Protein backbone atom coordinates (compact mmCIF):
# COMPACT_ATOMS: atom_id res chain seq x y z
CA UNK A 1 -73.25 4.05 -28.74
CA UNK A 2 -69.53 3.92 -27.91
CA UNK A 3 -68.61 4.86 -31.48
CA UNK A 4 -71.19 7.64 -31.72
CA UNK A 5 -70.13 9.26 -28.44
CA UNK A 6 -66.45 8.35 -28.77
CA UNK A 7 -66.36 6.95 -25.24
CA UNK A 8 -66.34 3.62 -23.43
CA UNK A 9 -69.46 2.16 -21.80
CA UNK A 10 -69.25 0.00 -18.69
CA UNK A 11 -71.87 -2.22 -17.07
CA UNK A 12 -71.87 -3.18 -13.41
CA UNK A 13 -71.56 -6.84 -12.55
CA UNK A 14 -74.64 -8.51 -11.01
CA UNK A 15 -74.76 -8.11 -7.21
CA UNK A 16 -71.91 -5.56 -7.26
CA UNK A 17 -73.66 -2.42 -6.01
CA UNK A 18 -70.33 -0.71 -5.27
CA UNK A 19 -69.80 -0.52 -9.04
CA UNK A 20 -72.91 1.62 -9.49
CA UNK A 21 -71.63 4.88 -8.10
CA UNK A 22 -74.44 6.93 -6.61
CA UNK A 23 -76.74 4.22 -5.29
CA UNK A 24 -75.73 4.90 -1.67
CA UNK A 25 -76.13 8.64 -2.16
CA UNK A 26 -79.62 8.23 -3.62
CA UNK A 27 -80.58 6.02 -0.67
CA UNK A 28 -79.98 8.97 1.66
CA UNK A 29 -83.06 10.56 0.08
CA UNK A 30 -85.18 7.54 -0.84
CA UNK A 31 -85.63 4.19 0.87
CA UNK A 32 -85.15 0.98 -1.08
CA UNK A 33 -88.91 0.41 -1.27
CA UNK A 34 -89.76 3.97 -2.31
CA UNK A 35 -92.37 4.23 -5.08
CA UNK A 36 -91.12 6.77 -7.63
CA UNK A 37 -94.40 6.90 -9.56
CA UNK A 38 -95.43 10.17 -7.89
CA UNK A 39 -92.00 11.79 -8.00
CA UNK A 40 -91.60 14.72 -10.39
CA UNK A 41 -88.59 15.38 -12.59
CA UNK A 42 -88.15 18.73 -10.82
CA UNK A 43 -87.87 16.98 -7.45
CA UNK A 44 -85.31 14.50 -8.83
CA UNK A 45 -83.33 17.37 -10.36
CA UNK A 46 -83.13 19.04 -6.93
CA UNK A 47 -81.82 15.82 -5.36
CA UNK A 48 -79.23 15.43 -8.11
CA UNK A 49 -78.14 19.06 -7.63
CA UNK A 50 -77.68 18.46 -3.89
CA UNK A 51 -75.57 15.37 -4.55
CA UNK A 52 -73.46 17.01 -7.27
CA UNK A 53 -72.77 20.11 -5.18
CA UNK A 54 -71.86 18.35 -1.92
CA UNK A 55 -68.13 17.91 -1.19
CA UNK A 56 -67.00 14.28 -1.26
CA UNK A 57 -64.11 12.86 0.76
CA UNK A 58 -63.12 10.57 -2.13
CA UNK A 59 -62.74 13.66 -4.34
CA UNK A 60 -60.45 15.49 -1.91
CA UNK A 61 -63.44 17.36 -0.47
CA UNK A 62 -64.28 18.85 -3.83
CA UNK A 63 -67.77 18.59 -5.25
CA UNK A 64 -68.50 16.28 -8.19
CA UNK A 65 -69.36 19.38 -10.24
CA UNK A 66 -65.98 20.94 -9.47
CA UNK A 67 -64.13 17.80 -10.51
CA UNK A 68 -66.22 17.38 -13.66
CA UNK A 69 -65.71 20.99 -14.77
CA UNK A 70 -61.96 20.78 -14.10
CA UNK A 71 -61.71 17.61 -16.21
CA UNK A 72 -63.82 19.17 -18.94
CA UNK A 73 -61.58 22.24 -19.08
CA UNK A 74 -58.47 20.06 -19.24
CA UNK A 75 -59.93 18.15 -22.20
CA UNK A 76 -60.57 21.40 -24.06
CA UNK A 77 -56.99 22.61 -23.76
């Protein structure tokens, strides 16, 4: 997969939840014991959109989408 996508793949260490990025953000919407079997893809997409368009302190109060698009534009130039 790394060769096909020309990128590096990382795996979180066991019991190291801080290495898994959005887990805490997802927990704001769903409890740990939440059963996702009845959740639609549309509903999940709305949650992801909320997370990706909310300013983050760690990103200098920019949204993840803003940072991603800026990085993408820099790669293209």
